[in-house]
């Protein structure tokens, strides 16, 4: 039941809406992700990029067949890591 809800159009649209602005920020203004010392937190940035990738994969409706890829590129990691990306941006803007 929950699996069906996570792969319906509203959930996929949410993934695209979360991933697209983050991808644009990283492409157009990557300095927005800098920390207070002027550097990147590479582990944190890797998780954000994972969220963006998973958001696009889930958002376009692709469902991998192997359970491992399905979990890693599914909506829950996408939403969680995109939320992390927005938290990083908010912290960078406020800090």
PDB file of N, CA and C in Angstrom:
ATOM      1  N   UNK A   1       0.823  -1.199   0.000  1.00  0.00           N
ATOM      2  CA  UNK A   1       0.000   0.000   0.000  1.00  0.00           C
ATOM      3  C   UNK A   1       0.866   1.261   0.000  1.00  0.00           C
ATOM      4  N   UNK A   2       1.797   1.348   0.954  1.00  0.00           N
ATOM      5  CA  UNK A   2       2.652   2.535   1.024  1.00  0.00           C
ATOM      6  C   UNK A   2       3.506   2.654  -0.236  1.00  0.00           C
ATOM      7  N   UNK A   3       3.952   1.513  -0.773  1.00  0.00           N
ATOM      8  CA  UNK A   3       4.757   1.526  -1.991  1.00  0.00           C
ATOM      9  C   UNK A   3       3.975   2.163  -3.135  1.00  0.00           C
ATOM     10  N   UNK A   4       2.705   1.851  -3.237  1.00  0.00           N
ATOM     11  CA  UNK A   4       1.887   2.425  -4.311  1.00  0.00           C
ATOM     12  C   UNK A   4       1.734   3.930  -4.145  1.00  0.00           C
ATOM     13  N   UNK A   5       1.556   4.393  -2.914  1.00  0.00           N
ATOM     14  CA  UNK A   5       1.406   5.828  -2.680  1.00  0.00           C
ATOM     15  C   UNK A   5       2.680   6.587  -3.007  1.00  0.00           C
ATOM     16  N   UNK A   6       3.830   5.973  -2.730  1.00  0.00           N
ATOM     17  CA  UNK A   6       5.102   6.651  -2.977  1.00  0.00           C
ATOM     18  C   UNK A   6       5.446   6.760  -4.453  1.00  0.00           C
ATOM     19  N   UNK A   7       4.778   5.996  -5.295  1.00  0.00           N
ATOM     20  CA  UNK A   7       5.091   6.035  -6.725  1.00  0.00           C
ATOM     21  C   UNK A   7       3.952   6.607  -7.555  1.00  0.00           C
ATOM     22  N   UNK A   8       3.037   7.309  -6.922  1.00  0.00           N
ATOM     23  CA  UNK A   8       1.984   7.995  -7.664  1.00  0.00           C
ATOM     24  C   UNK A   8       2.469   9.376  -8.088  1.00  0.00           C
ATOM     25  N   UNK A   9       1.698  10.019  -8.941  1.00  0.00           N
ATOM     26  CA  UNK A   9       2.096  11.296  -9.517  1.00  0.00           C
ATOM     27  C   UNK A   9       2.393  12.383  -8.483  1.00  0.00           C
ATOM     28  N   UNK A  10       1.581  12.577  -7.435  1.00  0.00           N
ATOM     29  CA  UNK A  10       1.925  13.647  -6.477  1.00  0.00           C
ATOM     30  C   UNK A  10       3.276  13.433  -5.789  1.00  0.00           C
ATOM     31  N   UNK A  11       3.592  12.206  -5.446  1.00  0.00           N
ATOM     32  CA  UNK A  11       4.884  11.928  -4.804  1.00  0.00           C
ATOM     33  C   UNK A  11       6.027  12.161  -5.789  1.00  0.00           C
ATOM     34  N   UNK A  12       5.836  11.760  -7.033  1.00  0.00           N
ATOM     35  CA  UNK A  12       6.888  11.981  -8.039  1.00  0.00           C
ATOM     36  C   UNK A  12       7.072  13.471  -8.309  1.00  0.00           C
ATOM     37  N   UNK A  13       5.969  14.198  -8.336  1.00  0.00           N
ATOM     38  CA  UNK A  13       6.059  15.646  -8.541  1.00  0.00           C
ATOM     39  C   UNK A  13       6.797  16.312  -7.385  1.00  0.00           C
ATOM     40  N   UNK A  14       6.544  15.865  -6.170  1.00  0.00           N
ATOM     41  CA  UNK A  14       7.255  16.391  -5.008  1.00  0.00           C
ATOM     42  C   UNK A  14       8.765  16.159  -5.151  1.00  0.00           C
ATOM     43  N   UNK A  15       9.149  14.981  -5.614  1.00  0.00           N
ATOM     44  CA  UNK A  15      10.569  14.687  -5.806  1.00  0.00           C
ATOM     45  C   UNK A  15      11.197  15.643  -6.808  1.00  0.00           C
ATOM     46  N   UNK A  16      10.506  15.879  -7.911  1.00  0.00           N
ATOM     47  CA  UNK A  16      11.044  16.816  -8.908  1.00  0.00           C
ATOM     48  C   UNK A  16      11.109  18.237  -8.378  1.00  0.00           C
ATOM     49  N   UNK A  17      10.090  18.631  -7.621  1.00  0.00           N
ATOM     50  CA  UNK A  17      10.074  19.987  -7.084  1.00  0.00           C
ATOM     51  C   UNK A  17      11.141  20.201  -6.012  1.00  0.00           C
ATOM     52  N   UNK A  18      11.513  19.158  -5.313  1.00  0.00           N
ATOM     53  CA  UNK A  18      12.585  19.276  -4.327  1.00  0.00           C
ATOM     54  C   UNK A  18      13.965  19.244  -4.987  1.00  0.00           C
ATOM     55  N   UNK A  19      14.130  18.404  -5.989  1.00  0.00           N
ATOM     56  CA  UNK A  19      15.449  18.202  -6.597  1.00  0.00           C
ATOM     57  C   UNK A  19      15.844  19.308  -7.578  1.00  0.00           C
ATOM     58  N   UNK A  20      14.909  19.821  -8.337  1.00  0.00           N
ATOM     59  CA  UNK A  20      15.240  20.785  -9.394  1.00  0.00           C
ATOM     60  C   UNK A  20      15.906  22.062  -8.881  1.00  0.00           C
ATOM     61  N   UNK A  21      15.339  22.751  -7.872  1.00  0.00           N
ATOM     62  CA  UNK A  21      16.021  23.966  -7.408  1.00  0.00           C
ATOM     63  C   UNK A  21      17.406  23.702  -6.823  1.00  0.00           C
ATOM     64  N   UNK A  22      17.555  22.584  -6.118  1.00  0.00           N
ATOM     65  CA  UNK A  22      18.876  22.266  -5.575  1.00  0.00           C
ATOM     66  C   UNK A  22      19.887  22.028  -6.689  1.00  0.00           C
ATOM     67  N   UNK A  23      19.467  21.333  -7.725  1.00  0.00           N
ATOM     68  CA  UNK A  23      20.368  21.094  -8.858  1.00  0.00           C
ATOM     69  C   UNK A  23      20.756  22.410  -9.524  1.00  0.00           C
ATOM     70  N   UNK A  24      19.800  23.307  -9.676  1.00  0.00           N
ATOM     71  CA  UNK A  24      20.103  24.602 -10.276  1.00  0.00           C
ATOM     72  C   UNK A  24      21.061  25.418  -9.410  1.00  0.00           C
ATOM     73  N   UNK A  25      20.859  25.390  -8.108  1.00  0.00           N
ATOM     74  CA  UNK A  25      21.766  26.118  -7.216  1.00  0.00           C
ATOM     75  C   UNK A  25      23.183  25.558  -7.326  1.00  0.00           C
ATOM     76  N   UNK A  26      23.300  24.244  -7.339  1.00  0.00           N
ATOM     77  CA  UNK A  26      24.641  23.648  -7.437  1.00  0.00           C
ATOM     78  C   UNK A  26      25.301  23.931  -8.787  1.00  0.00           C
ATOM     79  N   UNK A  27      24.503  24.036  -9.835  1.00  0.00           N
ATOM     80  CA  UNK A  27      25.068  24.319 -11.158  1.00  0.00           C
ATOM     81  C   UNK A  27      25.382  25.795 -11.362  1.00  0.00           C
ATOM     82  N   UNK A  28      24.494  26.665 -10.908  1.00  0.00           N
ATOM     83  CA  UNK A  28      24.636  28.089 -11.183  1.00  0.00           C
ATOM     84  C   UNK A  28      25.446  28.815 -10.117  1.00  0.00           C
ATOM     85  N   UNK A  29      25.203  28.478  -8.854  1.00  0.00           N
ATOM     86  CA  UNK A  29      25.870  29.196  -7.754  1.00  0.00           C
ATOM     87  C   UNK A  29      26.338  28.202  -6.688  1.00  0.00           C
ATOM     88  N   UNK A  30      27.356  27.403  -7.000  1.00  0.00           N
ATOM     89  CA  UNK A  30      27.801  26.392  -6.036  1.00  0.00           C
ATOM     90  C   UNK A  30      28.350  26.977  -4.744  1.00  0.00           C
ATOM     91  N   UNK A  31      28.772  28.240  -4.762  1.00  0.00           N
ATOM     92  CA  UNK A  31      29.294  28.862  -3.543  1.00  0.00           C
ATOM     93  C   UNK A  31      28.213  29.018  -2.479  1.00  0.00           C
ATOM     94  N   UNK A  32      26.946  28.864  -2.836  1.00  0.00           N
ATOM     95  CA  UNK A  32      25.860  28.937  -1.859  1.00  0.00           C
ATOM     96  C   UNK A  32      25.929  27.777  -0.870  1.00  0.00           C
ATOM     97  N   UNK A  33      26.672  26.731  -1.197  1.00  0.00           N
ATOM     98  CA  UNK A  33      26.791  25.569  -0.320  1.00  0.00           C
ATOM     99  C   UNK A  33      28.050  25.603   0.539  1.00  0.00           C
ATOM    100  N   UNK A  34      28.781  26.706   0.511  1.00  0.00           N
ATOM    101  CA  UNK A  34      29.998  26.810   1.323  1.00  0.00           C
ATOM    102  C   UNK A  34      29.655  26.927   2.797  1.00  0.00           C
ATOM    103  N   UNK A  35      30.539  26.408   3.636  1.00  0.00           N
ATOM    104  CA  UNK A  35      30.330  26.543   5.081  1.00  0.00           C
ATOM    105  C   UNK A  35      30.958  27.854   5.567  1.00  0.00           C
ATOM    106  N   UNK A  36      30.973  28.059   6.858  1.00  0.00           N
ATOM    107  CA  UNK A  36      31.477  29.294   7.438  1.00  0.00           C
ATOM    108  C   UNK A  36      32.952  29.554   7.171  1.00  0.00           C
ATOM    109  N   UNK A  37      33.744  28.497   6.964  1.00  0.00           N
ATOM    110  CA  UNK A  37      35.174  28.650   6.691  1.00  0.00           C
ATOM    111  C   UNK A  37      35.470  28.768   5.202  1.00  0.00           C
ATOM    112  N   UNK A  38      34.457  28.805   4.376  1.00  0.00           N
ATOM    113  CA  UNK A  38      34.659  28.948   2.937  1.00  0.00           C
ATOM    114  C   UNK A  38      34.965  27.653   2.224  1.00  0.00           C
ATOM    115  N   UNK A  39      34.640  26.531   2.826  1.00  0.00           N
ATOM    116  CA  UNK A  39      34.875  25.229   2.194  1.00  0.00           C
ATOM    117  C   UNK A  39      33.588  24.428   2.111  1.00  0.00           C
ATOM    118  N   UNK A  40      33.691  23.318   1.444  1.00  0.00           N
ATOM    119  CA  UNK A  40      32.553  22.413   1.309  1.00  0.00           C
ATOM    120  C   UNK A  40      32.688  21.266   2.298  1.00  0.00           C
ATOM    121  N   UNK A  41      31.579  20.820   2.824  1.00  0.00           N
ATOM    122  CA  UNK A  41      31.564  19.577   3.583  1.00  0.00           C
ATOM    123  C   UNK A  41      31.286  18.480   2.563  1.00  0.00           C
ATOM    124  N   UNK A  42      32.319  17.783   2.135  1.00  0.00           N
ATOM    125  CA  UNK A  42      32.176  16.815   1.061  1.00  0.00           C
ATOM    126  C   UNK A  42      31.223  15.665   1.387  1.00  0.00           C
ATOM    127  N   UNK A  43      31.251  15.109   2.587  1.00  0.00           N
ATOM    128  CA  UNK A  43      30.263  14.055   2.889  1.00  0.00           C
ATOM    129  C   UNK A  43      28.825  14.586   2.829  1.00  0.00           C
ATOM    130  N   UNK A  44      28.634  15.788   3.328  1.00  0.00           N
ATOM    131  CA  UNK A  44      27.300  16.388   3.296  1.00  0.00           C
ATOM    132  C   UNK A  44      26.876  16.684   1.864  1.00  0.00           C
ATOM    133  N   UNK A  45      27.784  17.212   1.075  1.00  0.00           N
ATOM    134  CA  UNK A  45      27.488  17.515  -0.318  1.00  0.00           C
ATOM    135  C   UNK A  45      27.202  16.240  -1.108  1.00  0.00           C
ATOM    136  N   UNK A  46      27.897  15.164  -0.788  1.00  0.00           N
ATOM    137  CA  UNK A  46      27.638  13.891  -1.454  1.00  0.00           C
ATOM    138  C   UNK A  46      26.214  13.413  -1.173  1.00  0.00           C
ATOM    139  N   UNK A  47      25.761  13.554   0.068  1.00  0.00           N
ATOM    140  CA  UNK A  47      24.399  13.149   0.405  1.00  0.00           C
ATOM    141  C   UNK A  47      23.369  14.025  -0.303  1.00  0.00           C
ATOM    142  N   UNK A  48      23.644  15.324  -0.397  1.00  0.00           N
ATOM    143  CA  UNK A  48      22.729  16.223  -1.100  1.00  0.00           C
ATOM    144  C   UNK A  48      22.647  15.843  -2.576  1.00  0.00           C
ATOM    145  N   UNK A  49      23.786  15.546  -3.180  1.00  0.00           N
ATOM    146  CA  UNK A  49      23.783  15.158  -4.596  1.00  0.00           C
ATOM    147  C   UNK A  49      23.096  13.812  -4.796  1.00  0.00           C
ATOM    148  N   UNK A  50      23.204  12.926  -3.826  1.00  0.00           N
ATOM    149  CA  UNK A  50      22.459  11.655  -3.867  1.00  0.00           C
ATOM    150  C   UNK A  50      20.969  11.959  -3.843  1.00  0.00           C
ATOM    151  N   UNK A  51      20.553  12.885  -2.992  1.00  0.00           N
ATOM    152  CA  UNK A  51      19.140  13.258  -2.925  1.00  0.00           C
ATOM    153  C   UNK A  51      18.644  13.860  -4.222  1.00  0.00           C
ATOM    154  N   UNK A  52      19.462  14.691  -4.841  1.00  0.00           N
ATOM    155  CA  UNK A  52      19.082  15.282  -6.123  1.00  0.00           C
ATOM    156  C   UNK A  52      18.943  14.197  -7.183  1.00  0.00           C
ATOM    157  N   UNK A  53      19.907  13.301  -7.240  1.00  0.00           N
ATOM    158  CA  UNK A  53      19.858  12.213  -8.224  1.00  0.00           C
ATOM    159  C   UNK A  53      18.641  11.323  -8.006  1.00  0.00           C
ATOM    160  N   UNK A  54      18.423  10.950  -6.747  1.00  0.00           N
ATOM    161  CA  UNK A  54      17.267  10.109  -6.442  1.00  0.00           C
ATOM    162  C   UNK A  54      15.964  10.850  -6.731  1.00  0.00           C
ATOM    163  N   UNK A  55      15.946  12.153  -6.483  1.00  0.00           N
ATOM    164  CA  UNK A  55      14.752  12.946  -6.784  1.00  0.00           C
ATOM    165  C   UNK A  55      14.425  12.958  -8.257  1.00  0.00           C
ATOM    166  N   UNK A  56      15.444  13.075  -9.094  1.00  0.00           N
ATOM    167  CA  UNK A  56      15.196  13.043 -10.532  1.00  0.00           C
ATOM    168  C   UNK A  56      14.781  11.648 -10.999  1.00  0.00           C
ATOM    169  N   UNK A  57      15.447  10.624 -10.489  1.00  0.00           N
ATOM    170  CA  UNK A  57      15.104   9.254 -10.883  1.00  0.00           C
ATOM    171  C   UNK A  57      13.669   8.948 -10.494  1.00  0.00           C
ATOM    172  N   UNK A  58      13.318   9.242  -9.254  1.00  0.00           N
ATOM    173  CA  UNK A  58      11.952   8.986  -8.797  1.00  0.00           C
ATOM    174  C   UNK A  58      10.964   9.912  -9.502  1.00  0.00           C
ATOM    175  N   UNK A  59      11.345  11.161  -9.680  1.00  0.00           N
ATOM    176  CA  UNK A  59      10.446  12.150 -10.267  1.00  0.00           C
ATOM    177  C   UNK A  59      10.029  11.856 -11.693  1.00  0.00           C
ATOM    178  N   UNK A  60      10.929  11.290 -12.474  1.00  0.00           N
ATOM    179  CA  UNK A  60      10.564  10.975 -13.858  1.00  0.00           C
ATOM    180  C   UNK A  60       9.827   9.654 -13.975  1.00  0.00           C
ATOM    181  N   UNK A  61       9.723   8.926 -12.852  1.00  0.00           N
ATOM    182  CA  UNK A  61       8.929   7.704 -12.854  1.00  0.00           C
ATOM    183  C   UNK A  61       9.703   6.428 -13.092  1.00  0.00           C
ATOM    184  N   UNK A  62      11.023   6.497 -13.086  1.00  0.00           N
ATOM    185  CA  UNK A  62      11.816   5.291 -13.286  1.00  0.00           C
ATOM    186  C   UNK A  62      11.840   4.480 -11.995  1.00  0.00           C
ATOM    187  N   UNK A  63      11.552   3.200 -12.084  1.00  0.00           N
ATOM    188  CA  UNK A  63      11.574   2.310 -10.925  1.00  0.00           C
ATOM    189  C   UNK A  63      12.569   1.188 -11.220  1.00  0.00           C
ATOM    190  N   UNK A  64      13.754   1.223 -10.585  1.00  0.00           N
ATOM    191  CA  UNK A  64      14.743   0.170 -10.826  1.00  0.00           C
ATOM    192  C   UNK A  64      14.212  -1.203 -10.420  1.00  0.00           C
ATOM    193  N   UNK A  65      14.679  -2.235 -11.082  1.00  0.00           N
ATOM    194  CA  UNK A  65      14.214  -3.584 -10.795  1.00  0.00           C
ATOM    195  C   UNK A  65      14.902  -4.194  -9.581  1.00  0.00           C
ATOM    196  N   UNK A  66      16.193  -3.945  -9.421  1.00  0.00           N
ATOM    197  CA  UNK A  66      16.916  -4.520  -8.286  1.00  0.00           C
ATOM    198  C   UNK A  66      16.542  -3.757  -7.033  1.00  0.00           C
ATOM    199  N   UNK A  67      16.257  -4.461  -5.950  1.00  0.00           N
ATOM    200  CA  UNK A  67      15.770  -3.837  -4.724  1.00  0.00           C
ATOM    201  C   UNK A  67      16.745  -2.829  -4.142  1.00  0.00           C
ATOM    202  N   UNK A  68      18.049  -3.049  -4.290  1.00  0.00           N
ATOM    203  CA  UNK A  68      19.047  -2.127  -3.756  1.00  0.00           C
ATOM    204  C   UNK A  68      18.991  -0.768  -4.442  1.00  0.00           C
ATOM    205  N   UNK A  69      18.949  -0.786  -5.767  1.00  0.00           N
ATOM    206  CA  UNK A  69      18.834   0.477  -6.504  1.00  0.00           C
ATOM    207  C   UNK A  69      17.481   1.127  -6.242  1.00  0.00           C
ATOM    208  N   UNK A  70      16.458   0.310  -6.150  1.00  0.00           N
ATOM    209  CA  UNK A  70      15.117   0.838  -5.885  1.00  0.00           C
ATOM    210  C   UNK A  70      15.086   1.564  -4.544  1.00  0.00           C
ATOM    211  N   UNK A  71      15.783   1.007  -3.544  1.00  0.00           N
ATOM    212  CA  UNK A  71      15.822   1.672  -2.248  1.00  0.00           C
ATOM    213  C   UNK A  71      16.680   2.940  -2.308  1.00  0.00           C
ATOM    214  N   UNK A  72      17.877   2.836  -2.918  1.00  0.00           N
ATOM    215  CA  UNK A  72      18.795   3.973  -2.937  1.00  0.00           C
ATOM    216  C   UNK A  72      18.296   5.136  -3.784  1.00  0.00           C
ATOM    217  N   UNK A  73      17.518   4.844  -4.820  1.00  0.00           N
ATOM    218  CA  UNK A  73      17.019   5.896  -5.705  1.00  0.00           C
ATOM    219  C   UNK A  73      15.520   6.123  -5.538  1.00  0.00           C
ATOM    220  N   UNK A  74      14.983   5.697  -4.418  1.00  0.00           N
ATOM    221  CA  UNK A  74      13.560   5.840  -4.147  1.00  0.00           C
ATOM    222  C   UNK A  74      13.226   7.194  -3.541  1.00  0.00           C
ATOM    223  N   UNK A  75      11.967   7.384  -3.231  1.00  0.00           N
ATOM    224  CA  UNK A  75      11.519   8.687  -2.746  1.00  0.00           C
ATOM    225  C   UNK A  75      12.001   9.036  -1.332  1.00  0.00           C
ATOM    226  N   UNK A  76      12.131   8.072  -0.466  1.00  0.00           N
ATOM    227  CA  UNK A  76      12.508   8.404   0.913  1.00  0.00           C
ATOM    228  C   UNK A  76      13.926   8.970   1.016  1.00  0.00           C
ATOM    229  N   UNK A  77      14.937   8.331   0.415  1.00  0.00           N
ATOM    230  CA  UNK A  77      16.265   8.974   0.424  1.00  0.00           C
ATOM    231  C   UNK A  77      16.263  10.300  -0.332  1.00  0.00           C
ATOM    232  N   UNK A  78      15.486  10.377  -1.406  1.00  0.00           N
ATOM    233  CA  UNK A  78      15.430  11.626  -2.169  1.00  0.00           C
ATOM    234  C   UNK A  78      14.913  12.763  -1.302  1.00  0.00           C
ATOM    235  N   UNK A  79      13.821  12.545  -0.632  1.00  0.00           N
ATOM    236  CA  UNK A  79      13.236  13.596   0.197  1.00  0.00           C
ATOM    237  C   UNK A  79      14.117  13.928   1.388  1.00  0.00           C
ATOM    238  N   UNK A  80      14.667  12.921   2.017  1.00  0.00           N
ATOM    239  CA  UNK A  80      15.507  13.141   3.190  1.00  0.00           C
ATOM    240  C   UNK A  80      16.756  13.946   2.835  1.00  0.00           C
ATOM    241  N   UNK A  81      17.448  13.546   1.778  1.00  0.00           N
ATOM    242  CA  UNK A  81      18.697  14.204   1.431  1.00  0.00           C
ATOM    243  C   UNK A  81      18.469  15.549   0.745  1.00  0.00           C
ATOM    244  N   UNK A  82      17.344  15.717   0.068  1.00  0.00           N
ATOM    245  CA  UNK A  82      17.012  17.048  -0.454  1.00  0.00           C
ATOM    246  C   UNK A  82      16.695  17.989   0.703  1.00  0.00           C
ATOM    247  N   UNK A  83      16.013  17.489   1.722  1.00  0.00           N
ATOM    248  CA  UNK A  83      15.754  18.314   2.908  1.00  0.00           C
ATOM    249  C   UNK A  83      17.069  18.716   3.564  1.00  0.00           C
ATOM    250  N   UNK A  84      18.030  17.801   3.592  1.00  0.00           N
ATOM    251  CA  UNK A  84      19.358  18.136   4.094  1.00  0.00           C
ATOM    252  C   UNK A  84      19.969  19.260   3.261  1.00  0.00           C
ATOM    253  N   UNK A  85      19.806  19.196   1.951  1.00  0.00           N
ATOM    254  CA  UNK A  85      20.330  20.243   1.078  1.00  0.00           C
ATOM    255  C   UNK A  85      19.718  21.597   1.371  1.00  0.00           C
ATOM    256  N   UNK A  86      18.416  21.624   1.595  1.00  0.00           N
ATOM    257  CA  UNK A  86      17.773  22.890   1.936  1.00  0.00           C
ATOM    258  C   UNK A  86      18.216  23.385   3.308  1.00  0.00           C
ATOM    259  N   UNK A  87      18.464  22.471   4.232  1.00  0.00           N
ATOM    260  CA  UNK A  87      18.979  22.872   5.545  1.00  0.00           C
ATOM    261  C   UNK A  87      20.379  23.456   5.422  1.00  0.00           C
ATOM    262  N   UNK A  88      21.209  22.874   4.571  1.00  0.00           N
ATOM    263  CA  UNK A  88      22.558  23.401   4.346  1.00  0.00           C
ATOM    264  C   UNK A  88      22.477  24.796   3.737  1.00  0.00           C
ATOM    265  N   UNK A  89      21.593  24.970   2.762  1.00  0.00           N
ATOM    266  CA  UNK A  89      21.433  26.295   2.147  1.00  0.00           C
ATOM    267  C   UNK A  89      20.937  27.317   3.160  1.00  0.00           C
ATOM    268  N   UNK A  90      19.974  26.938   3.980  1.00  0.00           N
ATOM    269  CA  UNK A  90      19.445  27.853   4.983  1.00  0.00           C
ATOM    270  C   UNK A  90      20.529  28.229   6.000  1.00  0.00           C
ATOM    271  N   UNK A  91      21.317  27.247   6.393  1.00  0.00           N
ATOM    272  CA  UNK A  91      22.400  27.513   7.351  1.00  0.00           C
ATOM    273  C   UNK A  91      23.465  28.417   6.739  1.00  0.00           C
ATOM    274  N   UNK A  92      23.756  28.217   5.458  1.00  0.00           N
ATOM    275  CA  UNK A  92      24.752  29.046   4.785  1.00  0.00           C
ATOM    276  C   UNK A  92      24.248  30.477   4.632  1.00  0.00           C
ATOM    277  N   UNK A  93      22.956  30.644   4.389  1.00  0.00           N
ATOM    278  CA  UNK A  93      22.392  31.990   4.223  1.00  0.00           C
ATOM    279  C   UNK A  93      22.298  32.731   5.553  1.00  0.00           C
ATOM    280  N   UNK A  94      21.989  31.995   6.614  1.00  0.00           N
ATOM    281  CA  UNK A  94      21.815  32.628   7.921  1.00  0.00           C
ATOM    282  C   UNK A  94      23.128  32.773   8.681  1.00  0.00           C
ATOM    283  N   UNK A  95      24.062  31.874   8.375  1.00  0.00           N
ATOM    284  CA  UNK A  95      25.314  31.845   9.144  1.00  0.00           C
ATOM    285  C   UNK A  95      26.373  32.745   8.654  1.00  0.00           C
TER     286      UNK A  95
END
